[in-house]
N, C-alpha and C. Protein backbone atom coordinates (compact mmCIF):
# COMPACT_ATOMS: atom_id res chain seq x y z
N MET A 1 14.01 63.82 71.20
CA MET A 1 13.63 62.37 71.10
C MET A 1 14.89 61.54 70.95
N TYR A 2 15.82 61.83 70.08
CA TYR A 2 17.02 61.06 69.98
C TYR A 2 17.94 61.20 71.23
N LYS A 3 18.00 62.35 71.74
CA LYS A 3 18.81 62.53 72.97
C LYS A 3 18.21 61.86 74.16
N ALA A 4 16.87 61.83 74.31
CA ALA A 4 16.30 61.26 75.37
C ALA A 4 16.44 59.69 75.30
N ASP A 5 16.36 59.14 74.11
CA ASP A 5 16.52 57.73 73.87
C ASP A 5 18.06 57.34 74.28
N ALA A 6 18.89 58.20 73.80
CA ALA A 6 20.33 57.85 74.18
C ALA A 6 20.52 57.88 75.57
N MET A 7 19.98 58.84 76.25
CA MET A 7 20.05 58.91 77.74
C MET A 7 19.58 57.77 78.43
N MET A 8 18.47 57.14 77.94
CA MET A 8 17.85 56.01 78.56
C MET A 8 18.75 54.72 78.25
N GLN A 9 19.29 54.72 77.02
CA GLN A 9 20.10 53.48 76.66
C GLN A 9 21.44 53.49 77.34
N TRP A 10 22.15 54.64 77.37
CA TRP A 10 23.49 54.63 77.87
C TRP A 10 23.74 55.43 79.05
N GLY A 11 22.74 55.96 79.66
CA GLY A 11 22.94 56.69 80.92
C GLY A 11 23.51 58.03 80.75
N GLY A 12 23.43 58.57 79.69
CA GLY A 12 23.97 60.01 79.62
C GLY A 12 25.19 60.06 78.54
N ALA A 13 25.43 61.31 78.21
CA ALA A 13 26.48 61.46 77.15
C ALA A 13 27.79 61.43 77.83
N GLN A 14 28.70 60.59 77.33
CA GLN A 14 29.99 60.53 77.80
C GLN A 14 30.93 61.07 76.71
N PRO A 15 31.99 61.77 77.08
CA PRO A 15 32.87 62.14 76.17
C PRO A 15 33.48 60.98 75.34
N LEU A 16 33.64 61.08 74.01
CA LEU A 16 34.17 60.01 73.19
C LEU A 16 35.68 59.99 73.37
N GLN A 17 36.20 58.77 73.53
CA GLN A 17 37.71 58.68 73.47
C GLN A 17 38.19 58.60 72.00
N LYS A 18 39.22 59.22 71.72
CA LYS A 18 39.76 59.17 70.39
C LYS A 18 40.36 57.82 70.10
N SER A 19 39.98 57.32 68.92
CA SER A 19 40.48 55.99 68.53
C SER A 19 41.92 56.13 67.97
N SER A 20 42.82 55.19 68.27
CA SER A 20 44.11 55.25 67.65
C SER A 20 44.15 54.44 66.35
N LEU A 21 43.11 53.68 66.05
CA LEU A 21 43.14 52.87 64.80
C LEU A 21 43.15 53.76 63.60
N PRO A 22 43.86 53.38 62.57
CA PRO A 22 43.73 54.27 61.38
C PRO A 22 42.42 54.28 60.80
N ALA A 23 41.96 55.46 60.30
CA ALA A 23 40.64 55.67 59.64
C ALA A 23 40.85 56.39 58.30
N GLY A 24 39.90 56.01 57.40
CA GLY A 24 39.79 56.59 56.14
C GLY A 24 38.48 57.30 56.07
N VAL A 25 38.46 58.50 55.50
CA VAL A 25 37.18 59.28 55.39
C VAL A 25 37.04 59.63 53.90
N ALA A 26 35.89 59.14 53.34
CA ALA A 26 35.65 59.52 51.92
C ALA A 26 34.29 60.43 52.00
N LEU A 27 34.32 61.64 51.64
CA LEU A 27 33.18 62.51 51.66
C LEU A 27 32.55 62.43 50.25
N PHE A 28 31.40 61.98 50.13
CA PHE A 28 30.72 61.96 48.76
C PHE A 28 29.85 63.17 48.70
N PRO A 29 29.75 63.71 47.39
CA PRO A 29 29.13 65.07 47.24
C PRO A 29 27.69 65.15 47.61
N ARG A 30 26.84 64.07 47.54
CA ARG A 30 25.49 64.18 47.94
C ARG A 30 25.23 63.68 49.38
N GLU A 31 26.29 63.75 50.23
CA GLU A 31 26.25 63.34 51.69
C GLU A 31 26.68 64.51 52.51
N ALA A 32 26.42 64.38 53.79
CA ALA A 32 26.79 65.44 54.74
C ALA A 32 28.33 65.70 54.56
N GLN A 33 28.77 66.95 54.63
CA GLN A 33 30.18 67.39 54.46
C GLN A 33 30.66 67.89 55.82
N PHE A 34 31.90 67.63 56.18
CA PHE A 34 32.50 68.17 57.42
C PHE A 34 33.96 68.31 57.17
N PRO A 35 34.66 69.23 57.94
CA PRO A 35 36.11 69.49 57.74
C PRO A 35 36.87 68.29 58.35
N ARG A 36 38.13 68.18 57.83
CA ARG A 36 38.94 67.03 58.36
C ARG A 36 39.19 67.22 59.81
N GLU A 37 39.27 68.39 60.30
CA GLU A 37 39.53 68.62 61.77
C GLU A 37 38.44 67.96 62.70
N TRP A 38 37.31 67.89 62.15
CA TRP A 38 36.28 67.32 63.01
C TRP A 38 36.40 65.84 63.08
N ALA A 39 36.82 65.16 62.04
CA ALA A 39 37.06 63.73 62.06
C ALA A 39 38.32 63.46 62.91
N GLU A 40 39.37 64.32 62.83
CA GLU A 40 40.57 64.15 63.61
C GLU A 40 40.26 64.21 65.17
N ARG A 41 39.20 64.82 65.58
CA ARG A 41 38.92 64.92 67.00
C ARG A 41 38.50 63.46 67.53
N PHE A 42 38.08 62.59 66.76
CA PHE A 42 37.60 61.27 67.18
C PHE A 42 38.41 60.05 66.71
N VAL A 43 39.01 60.22 65.47
CA VAL A 43 39.70 59.05 64.92
C VAL A 43 41.09 59.52 64.40
N ASN A 44 41.96 58.53 64.22
CA ASN A 44 43.28 58.68 63.65
C ASN A 44 43.15 58.71 62.12
N VAL A 45 42.91 59.91 61.61
CA VAL A 45 42.72 60.10 60.08
C VAL A 45 44.01 59.88 59.33
N VAL A 46 44.01 58.84 58.60
CA VAL A 46 45.28 58.58 57.63
C VAL A 46 44.86 58.97 56.19
N SER A 47 43.58 58.96 55.92
CA SER A 47 43.10 59.27 54.50
C SER A 47 41.85 60.07 54.58
N PHE A 48 41.86 61.17 53.98
CA PHE A 48 40.64 62.06 53.85
C PHE A 48 40.52 62.55 52.50
N LYS A 49 39.42 62.18 51.78
CA LYS A 49 39.27 62.57 50.47
C LYS A 49 37.85 63.00 50.12
N LYS A 50 37.70 64.06 49.39
CA LYS A 50 36.36 64.54 48.85
C LYS A 50 36.24 63.91 47.55
N MET A 51 35.16 63.09 47.43
CA MET A 51 34.97 62.30 46.21
C MET A 51 34.17 63.20 45.19
N GLU A 52 34.27 62.93 43.93
CA GLU A 52 33.51 63.71 42.85
C GLU A 52 32.22 63.18 42.57
N THR A 53 31.94 61.89 42.79
CA THR A 53 30.67 61.35 42.48
C THR A 53 30.22 60.45 43.60
N GLY A 54 28.88 60.19 43.70
CA GLY A 54 28.38 59.23 44.68
C GLY A 54 27.63 60.00 45.78
N GLY A 55 26.92 59.22 46.62
CA GLY A 55 26.18 59.80 47.72
C GLY A 55 26.11 58.74 48.91
N HIS A 56 24.97 58.72 49.47
CA HIS A 56 24.77 57.99 50.73
C HIS A 56 25.07 56.49 50.45
N PHE A 57 24.57 55.98 49.37
CA PHE A 57 24.81 54.59 48.92
C PHE A 57 25.89 54.41 47.91
N ALA A 58 27.08 55.01 48.12
CA ALA A 58 28.12 55.13 47.22
C ALA A 58 28.50 53.59 46.60
N ALA A 59 28.48 52.67 47.51
CA ALA A 59 28.89 51.35 47.10
C ALA A 59 28.00 50.83 46.02
N LEU A 60 26.69 51.24 46.06
CA LEU A 60 25.78 50.90 44.92
C LEU A 60 25.76 51.88 43.78
N GLU A 61 25.91 53.15 44.06
CA GLU A 61 25.91 54.16 43.09
C GLU A 61 27.11 54.29 42.08
N VAL A 62 28.29 54.11 42.74
CA VAL A 62 29.57 54.10 42.05
C VAL A 62 30.44 53.04 42.59
N PRO A 63 30.17 51.84 42.37
CA PRO A 63 30.91 50.75 42.95
C PRO A 63 32.36 50.77 42.66
N ASN A 64 32.77 51.07 41.49
CA ASN A 64 34.16 51.07 41.10
C ASN A 64 34.89 52.20 41.78
N VAL A 65 34.35 53.37 41.89
CA VAL A 65 34.99 54.38 42.63
C VAL A 65 35.10 54.10 44.13
N PHE A 66 34.11 53.54 44.68
CA PHE A 66 34.05 53.15 46.06
C PHE A 66 35.15 52.03 46.44
N ALA A 67 35.20 51.02 45.58
CA ALA A 67 36.20 49.93 45.81
C ALA A 67 37.57 50.48 45.60
N GLU A 68 37.81 51.29 44.67
CA GLU A 68 39.28 51.89 44.49
C GLU A 68 39.64 52.65 45.67
N GLU A 69 38.70 53.44 46.29
CA GLU A 69 39.04 54.16 47.40
C GLU A 69 39.33 53.28 48.65
N LEU A 70 38.55 52.13 48.78
CA LEU A 70 38.90 51.22 49.78
C LEU A 70 40.23 50.59 49.61
N ARG A 71 40.52 50.21 48.39
CA ARG A 71 41.85 49.58 47.98
C ARG A 71 42.85 50.60 48.43
N SER A 72 42.81 51.86 48.02
CA SER A 72 43.80 52.84 48.18
C SER A 72 44.07 52.91 49.70
N PHE A 73 42.97 53.03 50.50
CA PHE A 73 43.09 53.15 52.05
C PHE A 73 43.89 52.03 52.55
N PHE A 74 43.45 50.79 52.29
CA PHE A 74 43.97 49.60 52.83
C PHE A 74 45.49 49.44 52.43
N TYR A 75 45.84 49.69 51.17
CA TYR A 75 47.23 49.62 50.68
C TYR A 75 48.05 50.67 51.37
N GLY A 76 47.46 51.78 51.72
CA GLY A 76 48.20 52.87 52.38
C GLY A 76 48.59 52.51 53.92
N ILE A 77 47.78 51.68 54.51
CA ILE A 77 48.16 51.35 56.01
C ILE A 77 48.92 50.17 56.19
N LYS A 78 49.35 49.46 55.16
CA LYS A 78 50.21 48.21 55.28
C LYS A 78 51.55 48.54 55.91
């Protein structure tokens, strides 16, 4: 169903181009987990961290932790 919809919308699967923009990845424990190498296939990973608390709605669940991770990422790319 999802693949068929994507084919109708975008005319087929095209290989994704890797973005050169800096990206930060924060993996929260109650969310899907993947290795850093997977992210590096698609984005320029400058920050990759496995968080200790939080989940899909981390900004609501652990706002201070989420905000600190954002600050850390943006200070790191200046």
